[in-house]
Structure formats: structure tokens, C-alpha cells
């Protein structure tokens, strides 16, 4: 199978972490896709030009991170990331939707900031900054939910990738201002298909190897924070995003 990604995409990062979690590195080849450029060869593979995109062994392609994550999770017949049974499933879906909403807003914000300054929309920037603050305040109230602890799940994975947007991501600067620099978690460089794996992926592997404290991976540049560490240091998610 071939998984097409871009290094900075939080959506592709979700799929890449799922590959790691399910031990599929030998079955899934991770390839860099060239997007947002005219006439990219990638458009012949996926006409929408979006990532992640998983091409199965029979040539069928899957798009959307949630679909790809679910497919990879079910490959071995022992899914670990399905919602819990019964009424708890709606709590899981509710929290995952909130995490996805935060991710979507931060992705728009990040793309707008990546434009040349004279092409940025002040209205869009203001809107997404306001949304991020509201969502951060909301997540402060949700961190004690049972689904935010224990084994890694889709709620944690989605929220972690939202707060780990890109090298030099929105969370990194504020975390460093608070003195949270987790570079001691790192041990060497990792590359996938010829390009460097951005730190959240490397940090995820290392943190899970260390036990991960059974919580969310929050990664940005050289910063990795887990929910218990954030709580221990009394760093509010809202402060990370201000």
C-alpha cells in the first residue's frame, strides 16, 4: 500500500501515526505528495490533490484521514480505535468532533499565515484566532473526561495532531515561553521515503516507547507535551494557543 502525505499536514500526520500504532511500517510505503502547485503528477493519482491518500494493493484509493485511519486500524481484524460500545460511543464521537473542529480551524489559520503577508485575509485570521481561543477554553473543561486518559484513541490522536500543527507550529512558541522543552525525548533522526519525519511523528514514537503516560501527544517543532505534563506544569491549553 502507498500512503501519500505532505510533511506539514495534520490530517496526513493522523494516518502516519496510525501506521506506527498498528505496526504497519512494512506494509505501508509513505510517499511525499506535491500539492497546491499546477500540473503536479500527484493529481493523476488523486484528482482532488488532498492528503492523506491511501492506495490499496488493488489500486483502489481512500481519501479522508478518518476513513484511512479506520481502514488501517481494521486491517489486522483487531481494531483498537473504534468508539466504545453503548452510550459511551456518543461521548467519543462528540469529543472527536470537537477535536476535529479545532484541527480544521487551526489548519485554516496556519494556511492563511503561510501566505505572503500581502495575500493574507485579516478577516479570516481574526475569525480563526477567535475560534481557537474559544475551542481552547472548551477543551480546558474536557481534559478530565475519561476518554482523555488511558490508551491512545481517536479523540486524543485528533487533538494531538491539531495542537502539533507543523514545524514552528502555533503551539510551539507558547509552550517554549512556558519553559516546556522536551528535547530530551528525542533520540536520533527518522526519515520516511527520503524526507525527514517531522518531530511530532518522531516524538510520538519515542513517547509511546517510554509509555506515553497514556495520554495525548502534543507536538510542535522540538516540543512534545503530554496531558499530565501540561497539568503538572499548570499550562492551560488556552495559553498554548494565545
Protein backbone atom coordinates (compact mmCIF):
# COMPACT_ATOMS: atom_id res chain seq x y z
CA UNK A 1 0.00 0.00 0.00
CA UNK A 2 1.08 3.57 -0.60
CA UNK A 3 0.21 6.46 1.70
CA UNK A 4 0.60 9.90 0.12
CA UNK A 5 1.23 12.74 2.56
CA UNK A 6 2.70 16.19 2.90
CA UNK A 7 5.03 16.75 5.85
CA UNK A 8 3.06 19.65 7.31
CA UNK A 9 -0.45 18.22 7.05
CA UNK A 10 -2.02 17.37 10.42
CA UNK A 11 -4.52 15.14 8.58
CA UNK A 12 -1.74 13.13 6.97
CA UNK A 13 0.00 13.01 10.33
CA UNK A 14 -3.01 11.20 11.81
CA UNK A 15 -2.70 8.47 9.20
CA UNK A 16 1.07 8.21 9.69
CA UNK A 17 0.68 7.80 13.43
CA UNK A 18 -1.93 5.10 12.81
CA UNK A 19 0.60 3.25 10.65
CA UNK A 20 3.03 3.37 13.58
CA UNK A 21 0.44 2.40 16.18
CA UNK A 22 -0.67 -0.63 14.18
CA UNK A 23 2.85 -1.72 13.27
CA UNK A 24 2.25 -1.40 9.53
CA UNK A 25 5.54 0.21 8.54
CA UNK A 26 6.46 -2.83 6.42
CA UNK A 27 3.12 -2.83 4.60
CA UNK A 28 2.59 0.90 4.00
CA UNK A 29 5.03 2.97 1.96
CA UNK A 30 4.83 6.65 2.90
CA UNK A 31 5.37 8.96 -0.07
CA UNK A 32 5.60 12.74 -0.31
CA UNK A 33 2.90 14.30 -2.48
CA UNK A 34 3.35 17.63 -4.22
CA UNK A 35 0.19 19.64 -3.69
CA UNK A 36 -1.04 23.18 -4.36
CA UNK A 37 1.06 23.51 -7.50
CA UNK A 38 -0.08 23.48 -11.12
CA UNK A 39 0.18 20.22 -13.04
CA UNK A 40 1.55 18.17 -10.14
CA UNK A 41 1.98 14.49 -11.05
CA UNK A 42 0.13 13.74 -7.82
CA UNK A 43 -3.13 14.95 -9.39
CA UNK A 44 -3.05 11.94 -11.70
CA UNK A 45 -3.03 9.73 -8.59
CA UNK A 46 -5.60 11.70 -6.60
CA UNK A 47 -7.54 14.26 -8.67
CA UNK A 48 -8.64 16.18 -5.58
CA UNK A 49 -5.00 16.82 -4.67
CA UNK A 50 -5.74 16.30 -0.99
CA UNK A 51 -3.77 14.31 1.57
CA UNK A 52 -3.70 11.81 3.09
CA UNK A 53 -4.48 9.40 0.28
CA UNK A 54 -4.04 5.65 0.67
CA UNK A 55 -3.69 3.50 -2.44
CA UNK A 56 -4.55 -0.11 -1.62
CA UNK A 57 -2.80 -3.10 -3.13
CA UNK A 58 -5.61 -3.49 -5.67
CA UNK A 59 -5.22 0.13 -6.80
CA UNK A 60 -8.32 1.49 -5.07
CA UNK A 61 -7.72 4.83 -3.35
CA UNK A 62 -9.04 6.01 0.01
CA UNK A 63 -9.27 9.68 0.97
CA UNK A 64 -10.01 11.41 4.30
CA UNK A 65 -7.94 10.81 7.41
CA UNK A 66 -10.83 9.30 9.39
CA UNK A 67 -11.56 6.74 6.66
CA UNK A 68 -7.88 5.86 6.24
CA UNK A 69 -7.30 5.55 9.98
CA UNK A 70 -10.31 3.26 10.35
CA UNK A 71 -9.17 1.10 7.42
CA UNK A 72 -5.64 0.73 8.80
CA UNK A 73 -6.98 0.00 12.28
CA UNK A 74 -9.16 -2.84 10.96
CA UNK A 75 -6.55 -4.46 8.73
CA UNK A 76 -5.46 -6.99 11.37
CA UNK A 77 -9.01 -7.78 12.47
CA UNK A 78 -8.32 -6.37 15.94
CA UNK A 79 -9.32 -2.70 15.84
CA UNK A 80 -8.18 -0.59 18.79
CA UNK A 81 -9.50 2.81 17.77
CA UNK A 82 -13.21 2.15 17.27
CA UNK A 83 -15.56 4.12 19.54
CA UNK A 84 -16.51 2.28 22.75
CA UNK A 85 -19.73 0.33 22.86
CA UNK A 86 -23.07 1.65 24.05
CA UNK A 87 -23.82 5.19 25.15
CA UNK A 88 -20.10 5.92 25.59
CA UNK A 89 -19.77 5.83 21.80
CA UNK A 90 -21.63 9.13 21.53
CA UNK A 91 -19.28 10.74 24.03
CA UNK A 92 -16.33 9.56 21.96
CA UNK A 93 -17.90 10.86 18.75
CA UNK A 94 -18.76 14.16 20.43
CA UNK A 95 -15.19 14.71 21.62
CA UNK A 96 -13.68 13.58 18.34
CA UNK A 97 -15.90 16.08 16.50
CA UNK A 98 -14.73 18.85 18.84
CA UNK A 99 -11.11 17.89 18.26
CA UNK A 100 -11.71 17.81 14.51
CA UNK A 101 -13.31 21.23 14.65
CA UNK A 102 -10.27 22.60 16.43
CA UNK A 103 -7.96 20.91 13.93
CA UNK A 104 -9.89 22.29 10.96
CA UNK A 105 -9.79 25.83 12.31
CA UNK A 106 -6.09 25.71 13.10
CA UNK A 107 -5.36 24.27 9.66
CA UNK A 108 -7.15 27.19 8.01
CA UNK A 109 -5.32 29.62 10.29
CA UNK A 110 -1.98 28.00 9.51
CA UNK A 111 -2.57 28.04 5.75
CA UNK A 112 -3.52 31.70 5.89
CA UNK A 113 -0.36 32.55 7.83
CA UNK A 114 1.71 30.66 5.26
CA UNK A 115 0.58 33.03 2.50
CA UNK A 116 2.67 36.10 1.64
CA UNK A 117 1.67 38.86 4.02
CA UNK A 118 0.03 40.93 1.29
CA UNK A 119 -2.23 37.97 0.37
CA UNK A 120 -3.47 37.15 3.86
CA UNK A 121 -7.07 37.79 4.85
CA UNK A 122 -7.25 39.79 8.10
CA UNK A 123 -10.89 38.69 8.45
CA UNK A 124 -10.00 35.00 8.20
CA UNK A 125 -7.08 35.36 10.59
CA UNK A 126 -9.22 37.16 13.15
CA UNK A 127 -12.01 34.63 12.83
CA UNK A 128 -9.76 31.59 13.24
CA UNK A 129 -7.82 33.15 16.12
CA UNK A 130 -11.10 33.77 17.91
CA UNK A 131 -12.31 30.24 17.21
CA UNK A 132 -9.05 28.74 18.51
CA UNK A 133 -9.37 30.66 21.77
CA UNK A 134 -12.98 29.54 22.24
CA UNK A 135 -12.10 25.93 21.45
CA UNK A 136 -9.10 26.04 23.77
CA UNK A 137 -11.30 27.25 26.60
CA UNK A 138 -13.78 24.49 25.82
CA UNK A 139 -11.07 21.81 25.85
CA UNK A 140 -9.91 23.00 29.24
CA UNK A 141 -13.24 21.71 30.55
CA UNK A 142 -12.94 18.39 28.74
CA UNK A 143 -9.42 17.32 29.75
CA UNK A 144 -10.67 15.40 32.78
CA UNK A 145 -13.01 13.27 30.67
CA UNK A 146 -12.14 9.55 30.97
CA UNK A 147 -11.52 9.35 27.23
CA UNK A 148 -8.65 11.81 27.60
CA UNK A 149 -6.70 9.26 29.61
CA UNK A 150 -5.88 5.62 29.09
CA UNK A 151 -4.83 4.05 25.78
CA UNK A 152 -4.44 6.29 22.75
CA UNK A 153 -7.77 6.77 20.98
CA UNK A 154 -9.10 8.82 18.07
CA UNK A 155 -10.08 11.74 20.32
CA UNK A 156 -6.55 12.01 21.67
CA UNK A 157 -4.98 11.42 18.28
CA UNK A 158 -7.05 14.12 16.58
CA UNK A 159 -6.50 16.70 19.31
CA UNK A 160 -2.78 15.93 19.48
CA UNK A 161 -2.38 16.46 15.74
CA UNK A 162 -4.38 19.69 15.95
CA UNK A 163 -2.01 21.13 18.55
CA UNK A 164 1.04 19.85 16.72
CA UNK A 165 0.47 21.75 13.50
CA UNK A 166 3.70 21.91 11.56
CA UNK A 167 7.27 22.79 12.32
CA UNK A 168 7.21 26.14 14.05
CA UNK A 169 3.56 25.37 14.77
CA UNK A 170 1.13 27.61 16.58
CA UNK A 171 1.61 25.73 19.82
CA UNK A 172 5.40 25.66 19.85
CA UNK A 173 6.16 29.26 20.67
CA UNK A 174 3.76 29.48 23.58
CA UNK A 175 4.94 26.15 25.01
CA UNK A 176 8.53 27.32 24.87
CA UNK A 177 7.57 30.58 26.55
CA UNK A 178 6.38 28.43 29.45
CA UNK A 179 9.73 26.66 29.58
CA UNK A 180 8.40 23.34 28.30
CA UNK A 181 11.15 21.98 26.08
CA UNK A 182 11.03 18.22 25.78
CA UNK A 183 14.03 17.72 23.51
CA UNK A 184 15.35 15.06 25.87
CA UNK A 185 12.64 12.76 24.49
CA UNK A 186 14.43 12.70 21.13
CA UNK A 187 16.91 10.06 20.05
CA UNK A 188 18.25 10.46 16.53
CA UNK A 189 16.67 11.35 13.23
CA UNK A 190 13.99 9.48 11.34
CA UNK A 191 13.33 9.64 7.59
CA UNK A 192 10.48 8.25 5.51
CA UNK A 193 10.80 7.89 1.75
CA UNK A 194 13.67 10.32 1.61
CA UNK A 195 12.22 13.21 3.60
CA UNK A 196 12.54 13.94 7.27
CA UNK A 197 9.70 12.89 9.52
CA UNK A 198 8.57 16.00 11.31
CA UNK A 199 9.11 15.99 15.06
CA UNK A 200 5.57 15.10 16.15
CA UNK A 201 5.87 11.71 14.44
CA UNK A 202 9.31 11.05 15.89
CA UNK A 203 8.17 12.34 19.25
CA UNK A 204 5.10 10.14 19.10
CA UNK A 205 7.21 7.02 18.54
CA UNK A 206 9.58 7.94 21.34
CA UNK A 207 6.86 8.93 23.78
CA UNK A 208 4.98 5.71 23.14
CA UNK A 209 8.17 3.76 23.67
CA UNK A 210 8.54 5.48 27.02
CA UNK A 211 4.97 4.63 27.90
CA UNK A 212 3.42 7.87 26.70
CA UNK A 213 1.83 8.36 30.14
CA UNK A 214 -1.31 7.04 28.43
CA UNK A 215 -2.28 10.47 27.22
CA UNK A 216 -2.36 12.80 24.27
CA UNK A 217 0.75 13.56 22.28
CA UNK A 218 1.03 17.31 21.83
CA UNK A 219 3.92 18.03 19.48
CA UNK A 220 5.27 21.09 17.78
CA UNK A 221 8.79 21.70 16.46
CA UNK A 222 11.06 20.22 19.15
CA UNK A 223 8.35 20.35 21.77
CA UNK A 224 6.39 17.34 22.99
CA UNK A 225 3.95 17.61 25.86
CA UNK A 226 1.54 15.08 27.29
CA UNK A 227 -1.63 15.99 29.14
CA UNK A 228 -0.28 15.00 32.58
CA UNK A 229 2.80 17.11 31.93
CA UNK A 230 0.67 20.07 30.93
CA UNK A 231 -1.37 19.65 34.09
CA UNK A 232 1.74 19.14 36.22
CA UNK A 233 3.23 22.36 34.90
CA UNK A 234 -0.16 24.08 35.12
CA UNK A 235 -0.03 25.09 31.48
CA UNK A 236 -3.52 25.68 30.13
CA UNK A 237 -4.25 24.67 26.55
CA UNK A 238 -5.73 28.13 26.09
CA UNK A 239 -2.33 29.65 26.96
CA UNK A 240 -0.66 27.41 24.39
CA UNK A 241 -2.78 28.92 21.65
CA UNK A 242 -2.84 32.58 22.70
